[in-house]
Structures are given as C-alpha cells and as structure tokens.
C-alpha atoms as a PDB file:
ATOM      1  CA  MET A   1       9.844  34.478  17.296  1.00  0.00           C
ATOM      2  CA  LYS A   2       7.157  34.307  14.628  1.00  0.00           C
ATOM      3  CA  ALA A   3       6.999  31.242  12.404  1.00  0.00           C
ATOM      4  CA  VAL A   4       5.041  29.993   9.435  1.00  0.00           C
ATOM      5  CA  ILE A   5       4.919  26.500   7.949  1.00  0.00           C
ATOM      6  CA  LEU A   6       4.554  26.053   4.218  1.00  0.00           C
ATOM      7  CA  GLY A   7       2.895  22.699   3.783  1.00  0.00           C
ATOM      8  CA  LYS A   8      -0.334  20.756   4.039  1.00  0.00           C
ATOM      9  CA  ASN A   9      -2.782  21.729   6.760  1.00  0.00           C
ATOM     10  CA  GLY A  10      -3.412  18.759   9.016  1.00  0.00           C
ATOM     11  CA  GLY A  11      -0.491  16.793   7.587  1.00  0.00           C
ATOM     12  CA  LYS A  12       1.191  14.482  10.110  1.00  0.00           C
ATOM     13  CA  HIS A  13       4.544  16.265  10.120  1.00  0.00           C
ATOM     14  CA  THR A  14       2.981  19.717   9.938  1.00  0.00           C
ATOM     15  CA  VAL A  15       1.027  18.936  13.105  1.00  0.00           C
ATOM     16  CA  MET A  16       4.090  17.473  14.834  1.00  0.00           C
ATOM     17  CA  LEU A  17       6.058  20.604  13.979  1.00  0.00           C
ATOM     18  CA  GLN A  18       3.246  22.885  15.164  1.00  0.00           C
ATOM     19  CA  GLU A  19       3.064  20.985  18.470  1.00  0.00           C
ATOM     20  CA  ALA A  20       6.817  21.251  18.964  1.00  0.00           C
ATOM     21  CA  LEU A  21       6.678  24.993  18.292  1.00  0.00           C
ATOM     22  CA  ALA A  22       3.627  25.480  20.530  1.00  0.00           C
ATOM     23  CA  ALA A  23       5.475  23.744  23.382  1.00  0.00           C
ATOM     24  CA  ARG A  24       7.997  26.576  23.136  1.00  0.00           C
ATOM     25  CA  GLY A  25       5.384  29.299  22.937  1.00  0.00           C
ATOM     26  CA  VAL A  26       5.391  29.761  19.168  1.00  0.00           C
ATOM     27  CA  LYS A  27       2.149  29.554  17.188  1.00  0.00           C
ATOM     28  CA  ALA A  28       2.830  28.633  13.575  1.00  0.00           C
ATOM     29  CA  PRO A  29       0.032  28.716  11.003  1.00  0.00           C
ATOM     30  CA  CYS A  30       0.348  26.420   8.011  1.00  0.00           C
ATOM     31  CA  LEU A  31      -0.010  27.955   4.560  1.00  0.00           C
ATOM     32  CA  PRO A  32      -0.240  26.004   1.295  1.00  0.00           C
ATOM     33  CA  MET A  33       2.237  27.381  -1.215  1.00  0.00           C
ATOM     34  CA  THR A  34      -0.405  27.341  -3.940  1.00  0.00           C
ATOM     35  CA  ARG A  35      -2.309  30.165  -2.191  1.00  0.00           C
ATOM     36  CA  ILE A  36       0.586  32.622  -2.324  1.00  0.00           C
ATOM     37  CA  THR A  37       0.332  35.532  -4.755  1.00  0.00           C
ATOM     38  CA  ALA A  38       3.499  37.430  -5.654  1.00  0.00           C
ATOM     39  CA  ARG A  39       3.816  41.002  -6.865  1.00  0.00           C
ATOM     40  CA  PRO A  40       7.356  41.444  -8.261  1.00  0.00           C
ATOM     41  CA  GLY A  41       8.778  44.929  -8.057  1.00  0.00           C
ATOM     42  CA  GLN A  42       6.927  45.844  -4.887  1.00  0.00           C
ATOM     43  CA  ASP A  43       8.011  45.467  -1.268  1.00  0.00           C
ATOM     44  CA  PRO A  44       9.223  41.830  -1.158  1.00  0.00           C
ATOM     45  CA  LEU A  45       7.761  41.395   2.311  1.00  0.00           C
ATOM     46  CA  ALA A  46       4.323  42.319   1.038  1.00  0.00           C
ATOM     47  CA  THR A  47       4.428  40.567  -2.319  1.00  0.00           C
ATOM     48  CA  LEU A  48       4.148  37.125  -0.740  1.00  0.00           C
ATOM     49  CA  ALA A  49       0.783  37.791   0.853  1.00  0.00           C
ATOM     50  CA  GLY A  50      -2.419  36.158  -0.304  1.00  0.00           C
ATOM     51  CA  GLN A  51      -5.967  37.067   0.617  1.00  0.00           C
ATOM     52  CA  GLY A  52      -6.375  35.086   3.847  1.00  0.00           C
ATOM     53  CA  THR A  53      -5.645  36.335   7.356  1.00  0.00           C
ATOM     54  CA  ASP A  54      -2.976  33.684   7.918  1.00  0.00           C
ATOM     55  CA  ASP A  55      -1.388  34.374   4.532  1.00  0.00           C
ATOM     56  CA  ARG A  56      -0.459  37.868   5.679  1.00  0.00           C
ATOM     57  CA  ARG A  57       1.543  36.374   8.526  1.00  0.00           C
ATOM     58  CA  LEU A  58       4.175  35.309   6.022  1.00  0.00           C
ATOM     59  CA  ALA A  59       5.335  38.904   5.736  1.00  0.00           C
ATOM     60  CA  ASP A  60       5.867  39.065   9.522  1.00  0.00           C
ATOM     61  CA  ALA A  61       7.481  35.654   9.977  1.00  0.00           C
ATOM     62  CA  ASP A  62      11.033  35.364  11.252  1.00  0.00           C
ATOM     63  CA  VAL A  63      11.324  31.699  10.247  1.00  0.00           C
ATOM     64  CA  VAL A  64       9.602  29.789   7.466  1.00  0.00           C
ATOM     65  CA  PHE A  65       9.576  25.998   7.763  1.00  0.00           C
ATOM     66  CA  VAL A  66       9.109  24.261   4.416  1.00  0.00           C
ATOM     67  CA  ARG A  67       7.289  20.953   4.749  1.00  0.00           C
ATOM     68  CA  CYS A  68       6.020  20.589   1.196  1.00  0.00           C
ATOM     69  CA  VAL A  69       6.757  21.964  -2.253  1.00  0.00           C
ATOM     70  CA  PRO A  70       3.837  20.638  -4.310  1.00  0.00           C
ATOM     71  CA  GLY A  71       4.565  19.035  -7.647  1.00  0.00           C
ATOM     72  CA  GLY A  72       3.128  20.415 -10.863  1.00  0.00           C
ATOM     73  CA  SER A  73       4.175  21.722 -14.226  1.00  0.00           C
ATOM     74  CA  LEU A  74       7.726  22.977 -14.722  1.00  0.00           C
ATOM     75  CA  GLU A  75       6.472  26.573 -14.454  1.00  0.00           C
ATOM     76  CA  GLN A  76       4.581  25.837 -11.229  1.00  0.00           C
ATOM     77  CA  VAL A  77       7.539  24.136  -9.556  1.00  0.00           C
ATOM     78  CA  ILE A  78       9.960  26.906 -10.581  1.00  0.00           C
ATOM     79  CA  TYR A  79       7.525  29.561  -9.324  1.00  0.00           C
ATOM     80  CA  ARG A  80       7.173  27.827  -5.953  1.00  0.00           C
ATOM     81  CA  LEU A  81      10.935  27.615  -5.549  1.00  0.00           C
ATOM     82  CA  ASP A  82      11.190  31.267  -6.611  1.00  0.00           C
ATOM     83  CA  ILE A  83       8.899  32.105  -3.706  1.00  0.00           C
ATOM     84  CA  LEU A  84      11.375  30.496  -1.311  1.00  0.00           C
ATOM     85  CA  HIS A  85      14.299  32.351  -2.862  1.00  0.00           C
ATOM     86  CA  THR A  86      12.360  35.624  -2.564  1.00  0.00           C
ATOM     87  CA  LEU A  87      11.766  34.957   1.124  1.00  0.00           C
ATOM     88  CA  VAL A  88      15.512  34.488   1.636  1.00  0.00           C
ATOM     89  CA  LEU A  89      16.235  37.716  -0.249  1.00  0.00           C
ATOM     90  CA  ALA A  90      13.705  39.450   2.011  1.00  0.00           C
ATOM     91  CA  GLY A  91      15.723  38.384   5.061  1.00  0.00           C
ATOM     92  CA  LYS A  92      13.645  35.426   6.182  1.00  0.00           C
ATOM     93  CA  ARG A  93      15.236  32.291   7.557  1.00  0.00           C
ATOM     94  CA  VAL A  94      13.918  29.467   5.395  1.00  0.00           C
ATOM     95  CA  VAL A  95      14.382  25.911   6.701  1.00  0.00           C
ATOM     96  CA  ASN A  96      15.517  24.110   4.662  1.00  0.00           C
ATOM     97  CA  PRO A  97      17.030  26.757   2.390  1.00  0.00           C
ATOM     98  CA  PRO A  98      15.672  26.655  -1.173  1.00  0.00           C
ATOM     99  CA  VAL A  99      19.054  25.615  -2.587  1.00  0.00           C
ATOM    100  CA  ALA A 100      19.041  22.557  -0.323  1.00  0.00           C
ATOM    101  CA  ILE A 101      15.488  21.700  -1.314  1.00  0.00           C
ATOM    102  CA  GLU A 102      16.372  21.971  -5.002  1.00  0.00           C
ATOM    103  CA  ARG A 103      19.453  19.806  -4.606  1.00  0.00           C
ATOM    104  CA  GLY A 104      17.686  17.207  -2.499  1.00  0.00           C
ATOM    105  CA  ALA A 105      14.764  16.905  -4.907  1.00  0.00           C
ATOM    106  CA  ASP A 106      16.923  16.566  -8.025  1.00  0.00           C
ATOM    107  CA  LYS A 107      18.549  13.137  -7.902  1.00  0.00           C
ATOM    108  CA  TYR A 108      20.898  13.871 -10.801  1.00  0.00           C
ATOM    109  CA  LEU A 109      22.216  17.083  -9.251  1.00  0.00           C
ATOM    110  CA  SER A 110      22.477  15.689  -5.738  1.00  0.00           C
ATOM    111  CA  PHE A 111      24.335  12.558  -6.836  1.00  0.00           C
ATOM    112  CA  GLY A 112      26.749  14.633  -8.884  1.00  0.00           C
ATOM    113  CA  LEU A 113      27.495  16.798  -5.858  1.00  0.00           C
ATOM    114  CA  LEU A 114      27.892  13.800  -3.550  1.00  0.00           C
ATOM    115  CA  ALA A 115      30.224  12.026  -5.967  1.00  0.00           C
ATOM    116  CA  LYS A 116      32.298  15.174  -6.485  1.00  0.00           C
ATOM    117  CA  ALA A 117      32.689  15.426  -2.716  1.00  0.00           C
ATOM    118  CA  GLY A 118      34.143  11.910  -2.691  1.00  0.00           C
ATOM    119  CA  LEU A 119      31.157  10.186  -1.103  1.00  0.00           C
ATOM    120  CA  PRO A 120      30.449   6.644  -2.351  1.00  0.00           C
ATOM    121  CA  VAL A 121      27.245   6.405  -4.414  1.00  0.00           C
ATOM    122  CA  PRO A 122      25.756   3.683  -6.634  1.00  0.00           C
ATOM    123  CA  LYS A 123      26.742   3.642 -10.305  1.00  0.00           C
ATOM    124  CA  THR A 124      24.211   5.819 -12.090  1.00  0.00           C
ATOM    125  CA  ILE A 125      23.487   6.693 -15.719  1.00  0.00           C
ATOM    126  CA  VAL A 126      21.064   9.391 -16.887  1.00  0.00           C
ATOM    127  CA  THR A 127      19.935   9.879 -20.474  1.00  0.00           C
ATOM    128  CA  GLU A 128      17.041  11.097 -22.631  1.00  0.00           C
ATOM    129  CA  ARG A 129      17.280   8.407 -25.324  1.00  0.00           C
ATOM    130  CA  VAL A 130      15.763   4.930 -25.339  1.00  0.00           C
ATOM    131  CA  ASP A 131      18.743   3.413 -27.158  1.00  0.00           C
ATOM    132  CA  GLU A 132      21.201   4.893 -24.660  1.00  0.00           C
ATOM    133  CA  ALA A 133      18.985   3.706 -21.797  1.00  0.00           C
ATOM    134  CA  MET A 134      19.268   0.159 -23.179  1.00  0.00           C
ATOM    135  CA  VAL A 135      23.052   0.517 -23.364  1.00  0.00           C
ATOM    136  CA  ALA A 136      23.023   1.765 -19.768  1.00  0.00           C
ATOM    137  CA  PHE A 137      20.871  -1.190 -18.680  1.00  0.00           C
ATOM    138  CA  HIS A 138      23.515  -3.630 -19.907  1.00  0.00           C
ATOM    139  CA  GLU A 139      26.418  -1.475 -18.692  1.00  0.00           C
ATOM    140  CA  LEU A 140      24.981  -1.526 -15.179  1.00  0.00           C
ATOM    141  CA  GLY A 141      24.837  -5.316 -15.156  1.00  0.00           C
ATOM    142  CA  GLY A 142      21.327  -5.989 -16.454  1.00  0.00           C
ATOM    143  CA  ASP A 143      19.782  -5.435 -13.023  1.00  0.00           C
ATOM    144  CA  VAL A 144      18.829  -1.816 -12.454  1.00  0.00           C
ATOM    145  CA  VAL A 145      16.509   0.438 -10.520  1.00  0.00           C
ATOM    146  CA  VAL A 146      14.710   2.959 -12.729  1.00  0.00           C
ATOM    147  CA  LYS A 147      13.828   6.053 -10.728  1.00  0.00           C
ATOM    148  CA  PRO A 148      11.968   9.285 -11.411  1.00  0.00           C
ATOM    149  CA  LEU A 149      14.362  12.229 -11.478  1.00  0.00           C
ATOM    150  CA  PHE A 150      12.110  13.963  -8.959  1.00  0.00           C
ATOM    151  CA  GLY A 151      10.465  11.672  -6.442  1.00  0.00           C
ATOM    152  CA  ALA A 152      10.203  10.623  -2.814  1.00  0.00           C
ATOM    153  CA  GLU A 153       9.113   7.785  -0.528  1.00  0.00           C
ATOM    154  CA  GLY A 154       9.935   5.159  -3.130  1.00  0.00           C
ATOM    155  CA  ARG A 155       7.117   6.219  -5.440  1.00  0.00           C
ATOM    156  CA  GLY A 156       7.685   5.475  -9.115  1.00  0.00           C
ATOM    157  CA  MET A 157      10.792   3.319  -8.624  1.00  0.00           C
ATOM    158  CA  THR A 158      10.921  -0.022 -10.391  1.00  0.00           C
ATOM    159  CA  ARG A 159      13.504  -2.788 -10.564  1.00  0.00           C
ATOM    160  CA  VAL A 160      14.203  -4.154 -14.056  1.00  0.00           C
ATOM    161  CA  GLN A 161      16.138  -7.366 -14.694  1.00  0.00           C
ATOM    162  CA  ASP A 162      15.022  -8.413 -18.173  1.00  0.00           C
ATOM    163  CA  PRO A 163      16.088  -6.672 -21.437  1.00  0.00           C
ATOM    164  CA  ASP A 164      12.635  -6.992 -23.019  1.00  0.00           C
ATOM    165  CA  VAL A 165      10.964  -5.580 -19.924  1.00  0.00           C
ATOM    166  CA  ALA A 166      13.556  -2.798 -19.864  1.00  0.00           C
ATOM    167  CA  TYR A 167      12.733  -1.865 -23.470  1.00  0.00           C
ATOM    168  CA  ARG A 168       8.995  -1.747 -22.748  1.00  0.00           C
ATOM    169  CA  VAL A 169       9.542   0.350 -19.602  1.00  0.00           C
ATOM    170  CA  PHE A 170      11.760   2.800 -21.477  1.00  0.00           C
ATOM    171  CA  LYS A 171       9.311   3.113 -24.375  1.00  0.00           C
ATOM    172  CA  ALA A 172       6.479   3.775 -21.951  1.00  0.00           C
ATOM    173  CA  LEU A 173       8.512   6.474 -20.211  1.00  0.00           C
ATOM    174  CA  GLU A 174       9.302   7.991 -23.605  1.00  0.00           C
ATOM    175  CA  LEU A 175       5.601   8.661 -24.175  1.00  0.00           C
ATOM    176  CA  GLY A 176       5.532  10.862 -21.089  1.00  0.00           C
ATOM    177  CA  GLY A 177       8.697  12.750 -21.977  1.00  0.00           C
ATOM    178  CA  TYR A 178      10.568  11.409 -18.956  1.00  0.00           C
ATOM    179  CA  ILE A 179      14.300  11.229 -18.324  1.00  0.00           C
ATOM    180  CA  TYR A 180      15.839   7.777 -17.911  1.00  0.00           C
ATOM    181  CA  TYR A 181      17.538   7.668 -14.517  1.00  0.00           C
ATOM    182  CA  LEU A 182      19.118   4.235 -14.050  1.00  0.00           C
ATOM    183  CA  GLN A 183      21.023   2.985 -11.050  1.00  0.00           C
ATOM    184  CA  GLU A 184      22.763  -0.315 -10.468  1.00  0.00           C
ATOM    185  CA  PHE A 185      20.814  -2.601  -8.158  1.00  0.00           C
ATOM    186  CA  LEU A 186      22.771  -3.197  -4.964  1.00  0.00           C
ATOM    187  CA  GLU A 187      22.208  -6.310  -2.875  1.00  0.00           C
ATOM    188  CA  HIS A 188      21.115  -5.095   0.538  1.00  0.00           C
ATOM    189  CA  GLN A 189      18.972  -7.817   2.175  1.00  0.00           C
ATOM    190  CA  ASN A 190      15.954  -5.501   1.942  1.00  0.00           C
ATOM    191  CA  GLU A 191      17.546  -3.098   4.432  1.00  0.00           C
ATOM    192  CA  ASP A 192      19.094   0.333   4.536  1.00  0.00           C
ATOM    193  CA  ILE A 193      19.906   2.908   7.214  1.00  0.00           C
ATOM    194  CA  ARG A 194      18.323   6.319   7.726  1.00  0.00           C
ATOM    195  CA  LEU A 195      20.376   8.847   9.662  1.00  0.00           C
ATOM    196  CA  PHE A 196      18.693  12.074  10.708  1.00  0.00           C
ATOM    197  CA  VAL A 197      20.893  15.151  10.721  1.00  0.00           C
ATOM    198  CA  VAL A 198      19.982  18.386  12.498  1.00  0.00           C
ATOM    199  CA  GLY A 199      22.364  21.332  12.739  1.00  0.00           C
ATOM    200  CA  GLY A 200      25.494  19.354  11.907  1.00  0.00           C
ATOM    201  CA  GLU A 201      24.739  16.453  14.263  1.00  0.00           C
ATOM    202  CA  VAL A 202      23.258  13.006  13.736  1.00  0.00           C
ATOM    203  CA  ILE A 203      20.503  13.008  16.350  1.00  0.00           C
ATOM    204  CA  ALA A 204      19.162   9.495  15.640  1.00  0.00           C
ATOM    205  CA  ALA A 205      19.385   6.605  13.222  1.00  0.00           C
ATOM    206  CA  MET A 206      17.370   3.542  12.341  1.00  0.00           C
ATOM    207  CA  ARG A 207      17.700   0.440  10.247  1.00  0.00           C
ATOM    208  CA  ARG A 208      14.787   0.209   7.813  1.00  0.00           C
ATOM    209  CA  GLN A 209      13.775  -3.384   7.172  1.00  0.00           C
ATOM    210  CA  GLY A 210      11.533  -3.860   4.157  1.00  0.00           C
ATOM    211  CA  THR A 211       9.388  -6.754   3.016  1.00  0.00           C
ATOM    212  CA  THR A 212      10.682  -6.133  -0.528  1.00  0.00           C
ATOM    213  CA  TRP A 213      13.763  -4.417  -1.954  1.00  0.00           C
ATOM    214  CA  LYS A 214      12.107  -1.065  -1.251  1.00  0.00           C
ATOM    215  CA  THR A 215      13.011   0.092   2.256  1.00  0.00           C
ATOM    216  CA  ASN A 216      10.824   3.179   2.655  1.00  0.00           C
ATOM    217  CA  ILE A 217       8.695   3.353   5.808  1.00  0.00           C
ATOM    218  CA  SER A 218       5.880   4.704   3.608  1.00  0.00           C
ATOM    219  CA  VAL A 219       5.690   1.389   1.731  1.00  0.00           C
ATOM    220  CA  GLY A 220       5.692  -0.831   4.802  1.00  0.00           C
ATOM    221  CA  ALA A 221       9.294  -1.082   5.991  1.00  0.00           C
ATOM    222  CA  LYS A 222       9.871  -1.365   9.736  1.00  0.00           C
ATOM    223  CA  GLY A 223      12.271   0.917  11.555  1.00  0.00           C
ATOM    224  CA  VAL A 224      14.631  -0.416  14.226  1.00  0.00           C
ATOM    225  CA  ALA A 225      16.841   1.857  16.330  1.00  0.00           C
ATOM    226  CA  LEU A 226      20.509   1.807  15.414  1.00  0.00           C
ATOM    227  CA  THR A 227      23.690   3.377  16.782  1.00  0.00           C
ATOM    228  CA  PRO A 228      25.716   4.341  13.686  1.00  0.00           C
ATOM    229  CA  ASP A 229      29.481   3.934  13.607  1.00  0.00           C
ATOM    230  CA  ARG A 230      31.854   6.845  13.048  1.00  0.00           C
ATOM    231  CA  GLU A 231      32.277   6.217   9.321  1.00  0.00           C
ATOM    232  CA  MET A 232      28.554   6.188   8.708  1.00  0.00           C
ATOM    233  CA  THR A 233      28.017   9.275  10.875  1.00  0.00           C
ATOM    234  CA  ASP A 234      30.730  11.214   9.050  1.00  0.00           C
ATOM    235  CA  MET A 235      29.248  10.243   5.685  1.00  0.00           C
ATOM    236  CA  ALA A 236      25.808  11.461   6.725  1.00  0.00           C
ATOM    237  CA  LEU A 237      27.149  14.789   7.997  1.00  0.00           C
ATOM    238  CA  ARG A 238      29.176  15.324   4.822  1.00  0.00           C
ATOM    239  CA  ALA A 239      26.200  14.456   2.638  1.00  0.00           C
ATOM    240  CA  ALA A 240      23.890  16.910   4.406  1.00  0.00           C
ATOM    241  CA  SER A 241      26.581  19.605   4.171  1.00  0.00           C
ATOM    242  CA  VAL A 242      27.097  19.014   0.441  1.00  0.00           C
ATOM    243  CA  ILE A 243      23.369  19.460  -0.161  1.00  0.00           C
ATOM    244  CA  GLY A 244      23.365  22.571   2.038  1.00  0.00           C
ATOM    245  CA  ALA A 245      20.670  21.235   4.366  1.00  0.00           C
ATOM    246  CA  GLU A 246      20.205  22.385   7.948  1.00  0.00           C
ATOM    247  CA  TYR A 247      18.358  19.137   8.548  1.00  0.00           C
ATOM    248  CA  ALA A 248      18.161  16.037   6.375  1.00  0.00           C
ATOM    249  CA  GLY A 249      17.376  12.380   6.210  1.00  0.00           C
ATOM    250  CA  VAL A 250      20.438  10.620   4.808  1.00  0.00           C
ATOM    251  CA  ASP A 251      19.961   7.075   3.527  1.00  0.00           C
ATOM    252  CA  ILE A 252      22.933   4.719   3.456  1.00  0.00           C
ATOM    253  CA  MET A 253      22.954   1.191   2.074  1.00  0.00           C
ATOM    254  CA  VAL A 254      25.349  -1.540   3.138  1.00  0.00           C
ATOM    255  CA  THR A 255      26.350  -3.752   0.219  1.00  0.00           C
ATOM    256  CA  ASN A 256      29.124  -6.341   0.399  1.00  0.00           C
ATOM    257  CA  GLY A 257      30.325  -4.721   3.609  1.00  0.00           C
ATOM    258  CA  GLU A 258      30.674  -1.270   2.035  1.00  0.00           C
ATOM    259  CA  TYR A 259      28.584   1.873   2.507  1.00  0.00           C
ATOM    260  CA  ARG A 260      26.813   3.751  -0.292  1.00  0.00           C
ATOM    261  CA  VAL A 261      24.875   7.001   0.074  1.00  0.00           C
ATOM    262  CA  ILE A 262      21.657   6.409  -1.823  1.00  0.00           C
ATOM    263  CA  GLU A 263      19.679   9.570  -1.034  1.00  0.00           C
ATOM    264  CA  VAL A 264      19.662  12.838   0.870  1.00  0.00           C
ATOM    265  CA  ASN A 265      16.126  13.983   1.633  1.00  0.00           C
ATOM    266  CA  SER A 266      15.888  17.722   2.292  1.00  0.00           C
ATOM    267  CA  ILE A 267      12.215  17.582   3.369  1.00  0.00           C
ATOM    268  CA  PRO A 268      12.434  14.364   5.385  1.00  0.00           C
ATOM    269  CA  ALA A 269       9.699  12.643   7.343  1.00  0.00           C
ATOM    270  CA  TRP A 270      10.414  11.683  10.949  1.00  0.00           C
ATOM    271  CA  ALA A 271       7.318   9.901  12.317  1.00  0.00           C
ATOM    272  CA  GLY A 272       8.866   6.508  11.580  1.00  0.00           C
ATOM    273  CA  LEU A 273      12.122   7.581  13.185  1.00  0.00           C
ATOM    274  CA  LYS A 274      10.316   8.647  16.348  1.00  0.00           C
ATOM    275  CA  ALA A 275       8.448   5.329  16.507  1.00  0.00           C
ATOM    276  CA  ALA A 276      11.718   3.406  16.128  1.00  0.00           C
ATOM    277  CA  THR A 277      14.026   5.468  18.337  1.00  0.00           C
ATOM    278  CA  GLY A 278      11.849   7.651  20.556  1.00  0.00           C
ATOM    279  CA  VAL A 279      13.665  10.724  19.225  1.00  0.00           C
ATOM    280  CA  ASP A 280      11.363  13.545  18.097  1.00  0.00           C
ATOM    281  CA  ALA A 281      13.282  15.100  15.213  1.00  0.00           C
ATOM    282  CA  GLY A 282      10.675  17.844  14.859  1.00  0.00           C
ATOM    283  CA  ALA A 283      11.299  18.968  18.429  1.00  0.00           C
ATOM    284  CA  ALA A 284      15.064  18.785  17.859  1.00  0.00           C
ATOM    285  CA  LEU A 285      14.696  20.901  14.721  1.00  0.00           C
ATOM    286  CA  VAL A 286      12.619  23.510  16.542  1.00  0.00           C
ATOM    287  CA  GLU A 287      15.153  23.677  19.381  1.00  0.00           C
ATOM    288  CA  TYR A 288      17.990  24.090  16.876  1.00  0.00           C
ATOM    289  CA  VAL A 289      16.183  26.843  14.975  1.00  0.00           C
ATOM    290  CA  LEU A 290      15.139  28.728  18.115  1.00  0.00           C
ATOM    291  CA  GLU A 291      18.700  28.670  19.439  1.00  0.00           C
ATOM    292  CA  GLY A 292      19.942  30.038  16.126  1.00  0.00           C
ATOM    293  CA  SER A 293      17.293  32.750  16.082  1.00  0.00           C
ATOM    294  CA  GLY A 294      18.535  34.313  19.273  1.00  0.00           C
END
C-alpha cells in the first residue's frame, strides 16, 4: 500500500502516524496542502501534483491521511476541500473523508446533524445580528459560551456572563464579520470525556480535567483513563457515524447527571489520549485502514 499524509511536516501527530505506518512497512511522505497545484479538466490523478518529488506521490497513493486543512480565506478553504473531493472522485481512499471533515469543522452543521439524529446537545443559537445575539444571550440564561463557527482546541472560545460584556464582545465580533455562535454554559466541574472512535469502535476514552472551564488538553487539561459506560459508548459511535467519520474524537459532557455531546472532531489529536490510556490511536487507525485496504 502507498500512503501520503496531508499535513504539517514534523508535526507531532504526523510523525506518530508516519511511525505507525513505517512499523507496517509503509513509507508515507507528508505534503502540505498549500503546495498542491490542480489542473481541472486533465487526468484527475495528475492534476494534484506539484513540483516536488514527494508531491508527485499523491497521484500514486492508495490512501491519503488528512491531518490538517489549513485555515485561510473562504476561497482558500473551499479550494483545499475541493482537492480532497477530487481525490475521492479519482478513486483514492481519503481518511477522514472530506464530507466528514467539513461536517466536523462546521459547528453549526454538525450540531444540526447530531440533534436531528436525536443525540443530546447543548442549547445553541446562531445569528448574524448583534441585537439577536443579545436576545440569544438572555434566552440561554445569561451565561453563555461564544465560539467561533470554525475552530479547534478551545481557541477563540469565551464565556460571557454579563450583558454589558456580551454587548462589547458582540460588537467587536461584528467588526470582523463573524457569526455569533452562542451555547448555553453547562456546569461540568471543569471536566468532560473524550472518546476515540476508530472503525465503528471506541478504542479508548479519557476524562479531561481542566484547571478552568476549558477542558482541552492543548490548554492544560489533564487526561485520566476512563472506561465509558454503554450509553456513552453508543452516543459516541452514533455521533461519529452521523458526521461520517472513519475515526473521530467525540467529546461528551456530564451535567446534572445527564450526557451532552459537545463536539465531534474529525481531525482529532491523540497524543494526550496515549499519555492517559497507553492506547496509540494512530497505530489503531493505521491497522484499521490497512485491513480495509486488502
């Protein structure tokens, strides 16, 4: 099998994935998506080749692992996702599939899909108007988390509990042309649970214990191994399936004894999970993909 990783050269999870592949005899170069040049209308296997030696390996790859879709302008992001869709149309196995990456990155879309599937999610209101954002602030109890529509690792999230502060936050966001994505704040004792799904199975889980209300490992939370119960496991599997992800990090919050799905990450990190549980999700992903590739 020939594999390519689209991501950041030298990145922690890129290296972990390359090591897992190398242990199974597969060398996988890492290509940054920004170096890819497309030529629509020509052979789709050749159009996604840049000028470097490793770039040309994309045309020969059986599997493409996506570890990073860089942010940018709307045109840049759409183009990068178009590249992934073109790879699928050319017969490549893309992990995760571009549809799953799109759904996981877009909080509004993913929450709509999760709610439609009957999964419990926090009360959420999305709007483009400052006045409606203020109405939403009060409707959600005057204690909300304001999130970027596209974001990860807790970056850009802020908790707002005061109407005057809310107004100033919303006016500041207005200057940048941002969408107001508001979610009710749920009491959670600075903890949540990350379940890691690979190929329709929860392979490991950890309780993330934060020093603040943010529970992301990237902002200092500590991971502790956890054996999830059946209800939590079923919720994680359903959530990953709804997003269309072959592998995913599903975050569940316990509030007042009830579970809420708060995020499904379709390009999840796993270094913290390995430190907490000893389970190498990258190796599990590689094993799953190799088995499915014959």
